[in-house]
């Protein structure tokens, strides 16, 4: 994990990766829990027998499950010590480029795209989050995450 004392330390790192997360396994329990939370019980996600005979050969994670893992990815990728509050402000340009089969290992890279000052001692930061799957030839998800932090 990379650690930054202040948010200002990120400013000179535009277009650079400011952190890479630990690997996280996307197992069937995580997929089922996400299905329970969202009501998305499509068989390609939650029915291992049927999914094994389906187009992907196994259950796959919901795309929005992969996206919803942004907080857990960022927690192990980097930390900014001297902030009082950070809030999710939204997303830009979300793409799901490859299915994520059950028991895949994922990690995310956070590249700093923009850094803008706000009122009230705030900063708006946009990261390009690229989620990779171990052994895959291309990312499974790429999204721009907008974060507002206040110190």
C-alpha atoms as a PDB file:
ATOM      1  CA  UNK A   1       0.000   0.000   0.000  1.00  0.00           C
ATOM      2  CA  UNK A   2       1.179   3.477  -0.820  1.00  0.00           C
ATOM      3  CA  UNK A   3       0.676   6.117   1.837  1.00  0.00           C
ATOM      4  CA  UNK A   4       0.432   9.864   1.287  1.00  0.00           C
ATOM      5  CA  UNK A   5       0.480  12.292   4.206  1.00  0.00           C
ATOM      6  CA  UNK A   6      -1.646  14.944   2.492  1.00  0.00           C
ATOM      7  CA  UNK A   7      -3.869  15.077  -0.557  1.00  0.00           C
ATOM      8  CA  UNK A   8      -1.524  17.746  -1.974  1.00  0.00           C
ATOM      9  CA  UNK A   9       1.149  15.048  -2.399  1.00  0.00           C
ATOM     10  CA  UNK A  10      -0.985  13.540  -5.168  1.00  0.00           C
ATOM     11  CA  UNK A  11      -1.083  16.658  -7.341  1.00  0.00           C
ATOM     12  CA  UNK A  12       2.324  16.164  -9.024  1.00  0.00           C
ATOM     13  CA  UNK A  13       1.401  12.531  -9.816  1.00  0.00           C
ATOM     14  CA  UNK A  14      -1.069  13.267 -12.633  1.00  0.00           C
ATOM     15  CA  UNK A  15      -1.223  10.408 -15.174  1.00  0.00           C
ATOM     16  CA  UNK A  16       0.641   8.089 -12.770  1.00  0.00           C
ATOM     17  CA  UNK A  17      -0.553   5.048 -10.853  1.00  0.00           C
ATOM     18  CA  UNK A  18      -0.866   6.160  -7.234  1.00  0.00           C
ATOM     19  CA  UNK A  19      -1.673   2.704  -5.858  1.00  0.00           C
ATOM     20  CA  UNK A  20      -2.327  -0.950  -6.659  1.00  0.00           C
ATOM     21  CA  UNK A  21      -4.596  -3.067  -4.504  1.00  0.00           C
ATOM     22  CA  UNK A  22      -4.073  -6.506  -3.049  1.00  0.00           C
ATOM     23  CA  UNK A  23      -5.500  -9.490  -4.922  1.00  0.00           C
ATOM     24  CA  UNK A  24      -9.063 -10.405  -3.918  1.00  0.00           C
ATOM     25  CA  UNK A  25     -10.836 -13.685  -4.728  1.00  0.00           C
ATOM     26  CA  UNK A  26     -14.340 -13.408  -6.136  1.00  0.00           C
ATOM     27  CA  UNK A  27     -15.887 -16.609  -4.826  1.00  0.00           C
ATOM     28  CA  UNK A  28     -19.443 -17.917  -5.133  1.00  0.00           C
ATOM     29  CA  UNK A  29     -20.346 -16.666  -1.662  1.00  0.00           C
ATOM     30  CA  UNK A  30     -19.424 -13.080  -2.641  1.00  0.00           C
ATOM     31  CA  UNK A  31     -21.451 -13.431  -5.860  1.00  0.00           C
ATOM     32  CA  UNK A  32     -24.471 -14.831  -3.989  1.00  0.00           C
ATOM     33  CA  UNK A  33     -24.280 -12.121  -1.328  1.00  0.00           C
ATOM     34  CA  UNK A  34     -24.247  -9.469  -4.057  1.00  0.00           C
ATOM     35  CA  UNK A  35     -27.244 -11.135  -5.712  1.00  0.00           C
ATOM     36  CA  UNK A  36     -29.087 -11.059  -2.374  1.00  0.00           C
ATOM     37  CA  UNK A  37     -28.308  -7.364  -1.933  1.00  0.00           C
ATOM     38  CA  UNK A  38     -29.334  -6.334  -5.461  1.00  0.00           C
ATOM     39  CA  UNK A  39     -32.035  -8.833  -6.364  1.00  0.00           C
ATOM     40  CA  UNK A  40     -30.107  -9.870  -9.491  1.00  0.00           C
ATOM     41  CA  UNK A  41     -30.440 -13.653  -9.465  1.00  0.00           C
ATOM     42  CA  UNK A  42     -29.675 -14.320 -13.124  1.00  0.00           C
ATOM     43  CA  UNK A  43     -28.577 -17.943 -13.470  1.00  0.00           C
ATOM     44  CA  UNK A  44     -25.184 -17.072 -15.012  1.00  0.00           C
ATOM     45  CA  UNK A  45     -24.277 -15.708 -11.580  1.00  0.00           C
ATOM     46  CA  UNK A  46     -26.021 -17.870  -8.984  1.00  0.00           C
ATOM     47  CA  UNK A  47     -26.713 -21.315 -10.498  1.00  0.00           C
ATOM     48  CA  UNK A  48     -23.363 -23.149 -10.701  1.00  0.00           C
ATOM     49  CA  UNK A  49     -24.791 -26.242 -12.436  1.00  0.00           C
ATOM     50  CA  UNK A  50     -26.623 -24.344 -15.154  1.00  0.00           C
ATOM     51  CA  UNK A  51     -23.771 -21.828 -15.518  1.00  0.00           C
ATOM     52  CA  UNK A  52     -21.277 -24.677 -16.058  1.00  0.00           C
ATOM     53  CA  UNK A  53     -23.233 -25.625 -19.188  1.00  0.00           C
ATOM     54  CA  UNK A  54     -23.691 -21.972 -20.212  1.00  0.00           C
ATOM     55  CA  UNK A  55     -21.660 -19.646 -22.433  1.00  0.00           C
ATOM     56  CA  UNK A  56     -18.932 -18.954 -19.842  1.00  0.00           C
ATOM     57  CA  UNK A  57     -18.447 -22.506 -18.516  1.00  0.00           C
ATOM     58  CA  UNK A  58     -18.880 -21.384 -14.898  1.00  0.00           C
ATOM     59  CA  UNK A  59     -20.744 -18.766 -12.885  1.00  0.00           C
ATOM     60  CA  UNK A  60     -19.525 -15.224 -13.486  1.00  0.00           C
ATOM     61  CA  UNK A  61     -19.539 -12.205 -11.209  1.00  0.00           C
ATOM     62  CA  UNK A  62     -22.012  -9.429 -11.838  1.00  0.00           C
ATOM     63  CA  UNK A  63     -20.348  -6.489 -13.573  1.00  0.00           C
ATOM     64  CA  UNK A  64     -21.689  -4.202 -10.887  1.00  0.00           C
ATOM     65  CA  UNK A  65     -20.167  -6.497  -8.244  1.00  0.00           C
ATOM     66  CA  UNK A  66     -16.745  -5.861  -9.760  1.00  0.00           C
ATOM     67  CA  UNK A  67     -17.453  -2.133  -9.787  1.00  0.00           C
ATOM     68  CA  UNK A  68     -18.785  -2.176  -6.223  1.00  0.00           C
ATOM     69  CA  UNK A  69     -15.450  -3.555  -5.035  1.00  0.00           C
ATOM     70  CA  UNK A  70     -13.846  -0.138  -5.663  1.00  0.00           C
ATOM     71  CA  UNK A  71     -13.792   0.703  -1.914  1.00  0.00           C
ATOM     72  CA  UNK A  72     -12.145  -2.576  -0.914  1.00  0.00           C
ATOM     73  CA  UNK A  73      -9.611  -2.202  -3.736  1.00  0.00           C
ATOM     74  CA  UNK A  74      -8.790   1.378  -2.751  1.00  0.00           C
ATOM     75  CA  UNK A  75      -8.391   0.467   0.952  1.00  0.00           C
ATOM     76  CA  UNK A  76      -5.424  -1.750   0.162  1.00  0.00           C
ATOM     77  CA  UNK A  77      -4.054   0.372  -2.709  1.00  0.00           C
ATOM     78  CA  UNK A  78      -3.373   3.718  -1.046  1.00  0.00           C
ATOM     79  CA  UNK A  79      -4.172   5.937   1.922  1.00  0.00           C
ATOM     80  CA  UNK A  80      -4.157   9.678   2.479  1.00  0.00           C
ATOM     81  CA  UNK A  81      -3.515  10.192   6.182  1.00  0.00           C
ATOM     82  CA  UNK A  82      -4.423  13.820   6.740  1.00  0.00           C
ATOM     83  CA  UNK A  83      -7.988  14.045   5.463  1.00  0.00           C
ATOM     84  CA  UNK A  84     -11.133  14.434   7.525  1.00  0.00           C
ATOM     85  CA  UNK A  85     -13.594  13.053   5.014  1.00  0.00           C
ATOM     86  CA  UNK A  86     -13.716  11.404   1.613  1.00  0.00           C
ATOM     87  CA  UNK A  87     -16.936  10.918  -0.356  1.00  0.00           C
ATOM     88  CA  UNK A  88     -17.792   9.133  -3.564  1.00  0.00           C
ATOM     89  CA  UNK A  89     -18.997  11.778  -6.042  1.00  0.00           C
ATOM     90  CA  UNK A  90     -19.778   9.448  -8.936  1.00  0.00           C
ATOM     91  CA  UNK A  91     -18.334   7.661 -11.918  1.00  0.00           C
ATOM     92  CA  UNK A  92     -17.435   8.377 -15.540  1.00  0.00           C
ATOM     93  CA  UNK A  93     -16.841   5.992 -18.441  1.00  0.00           C
ATOM     94  CA  UNK A  94     -17.517   2.601 -16.871  1.00  0.00           C
ATOM     95  CA  UNK A  95     -16.771  -0.422 -19.074  1.00  0.00           C
ATOM     96  CA  UNK A  96     -16.904  -4.154 -18.337  1.00  0.00           C
ATOM     97  CA  UNK A  97     -14.403  -5.619 -20.809  1.00  0.00           C
ATOM     98  CA  UNK A  98     -14.268  -9.274 -19.816  1.00  0.00           C
ATOM     99  CA  UNK A  99     -16.385 -11.646 -17.686  1.00  0.00           C
ATOM    100  CA  UNK A 100     -15.077 -12.606 -14.242  1.00  0.00           C
ATOM    101  CA  UNK A 101     -15.483 -16.365 -13.612  1.00  0.00           C
ATOM    102  CA  UNK A 102     -16.120 -17.550 -10.060  1.00  0.00           C
ATOM    103  CA  UNK A 103     -12.927 -17.921  -7.969  1.00  0.00           C
ATOM    104  CA  UNK A 104     -10.990 -15.412 -10.065  1.00  0.00           C
ATOM    105  CA  UNK A 105      -8.444 -13.171  -8.385  1.00  0.00           C
ATOM    106  CA  UNK A 106      -8.795  -9.455  -9.072  1.00  0.00           C
ATOM    107  CA  UNK A 107      -6.812  -6.364  -8.218  1.00  0.00           C
ATOM    108  CA  UNK A 108      -7.086  -2.724  -9.201  1.00  0.00           C
ATOM    109  CA  UNK A 109      -4.660  -0.024 -10.276  1.00  0.00           C
ATOM    110  CA  UNK A 110      -5.533   3.610  -9.563  1.00  0.00           C
ATOM    111  CA  UNK A 111      -4.178   6.194 -11.994  1.00  0.00           C
ATOM    112  CA  UNK A 112      -4.642   9.873 -11.131  1.00  0.00           C
ATOM    113  CA  UNK A 113      -6.531  11.572 -13.993  1.00  0.00           C
ATOM    114  CA  UNK A 114      -7.348  14.978 -12.488  1.00  0.00           C
ATOM    115  CA  UNK A 115      -6.850  16.993  -9.327  1.00  0.00           C
ATOM    116  CA  UNK A 116      -8.951  20.125  -8.717  1.00  0.00           C
ATOM    117  CA  UNK A 117      -9.386  22.361  -5.674  1.00  0.00           C
ATOM    118  CA  UNK A 118     -12.863  22.878  -4.203  1.00  0.00           C
ATOM    119  CA  UNK A 119     -14.298  25.279  -1.668  1.00  0.00           C
ATOM    120  CA  UNK A 120     -14.251  24.331   2.036  1.00  0.00           C
ATOM    121  CA  UNK A 121     -10.697  22.886   1.932  1.00  0.00           C
ATOM    122  CA  UNK A 122     -11.771  20.242  -0.536  1.00  0.00           C
ATOM    123  CA  UNK A 123     -10.198  18.533  -3.513  1.00  0.00           C
ATOM    124  CA  UNK A 124     -11.874  16.631  -6.319  1.00  0.00           C
ATOM    125  CA  UNK A 125      -9.778  13.743  -7.569  1.00  0.00           C
ATOM    126  CA  UNK A 126     -10.584  11.566 -10.556  1.00  0.00           C
ATOM    127  CA  UNK A 127      -8.914   8.164 -10.760  1.00  0.00           C
ATOM    128  CA  UNK A 128      -8.940   5.729 -13.612  1.00  0.00           C
ATOM    129  CA  UNK A 129      -9.507   2.406 -11.867  1.00  0.00           C
ATOM    130  CA  UNK A 130      -8.355  -0.540 -13.973  1.00  0.00           C
ATOM    131  CA  UNK A 131      -9.346  -3.936 -12.591  1.00  0.00           C
ATOM    132  CA  UNK A 132      -7.240  -6.838 -13.766  1.00  0.00           C
ATOM    133  CA  UNK A 133      -7.880 -10.553 -13.420  1.00  0.00           C
ATOM    134  CA  UNK A 134      -4.933 -12.798 -12.689  1.00  0.00           C
ATOM    135  CA  UNK A 135      -3.821 -14.481 -15.903  1.00  0.00           C
ATOM    136  CA  UNK A 136      -6.073 -12.419 -18.204  1.00  0.00           C
ATOM    137  CA  UNK A 137      -4.798 -10.624 -21.273  1.00  0.00           C
ATOM    138  CA  UNK A 138      -6.935  -7.505 -20.768  1.00  0.00           C
ATOM    139  CA  UNK A 139      -8.697  -5.712 -17.905  1.00  0.00           C
ATOM    140  CA  UNK A 140     -12.103  -6.854 -16.704  1.00  0.00           C
ATOM    141  CA  UNK A 141     -13.295  -3.345 -15.811  1.00  0.00           C
ATOM    142  CA  UNK A 142     -12.142   0.219 -16.373  1.00  0.00           C
ATOM    143  CA  UNK A 143     -13.909   3.145 -14.727  1.00  0.00           C
ATOM    144  CA  UNK A 144     -13.236   6.721 -13.773  1.00  0.00           C
ATOM    145  CA  UNK A 145     -14.026   7.263 -10.101  1.00  0.00           C
ATOM    146  CA  UNK A 146     -14.670  10.764  -8.779  1.00  0.00           C
ATOM    147  CA  UNK A 147     -13.700  11.288  -5.149  1.00  0.00           C
ATOM    148  CA  UNK A 148     -14.051  14.435  -3.080  1.00  0.00           C
ATOM    149  CA  UNK A 149     -11.826  14.760  -0.033  1.00  0.00           C
ATOM    150  CA  UNK A 150     -11.789  17.421   2.657  1.00  0.00           C
ATOM    151  CA  UNK A 151      -9.031  18.294   5.118  1.00  0.00           C
END
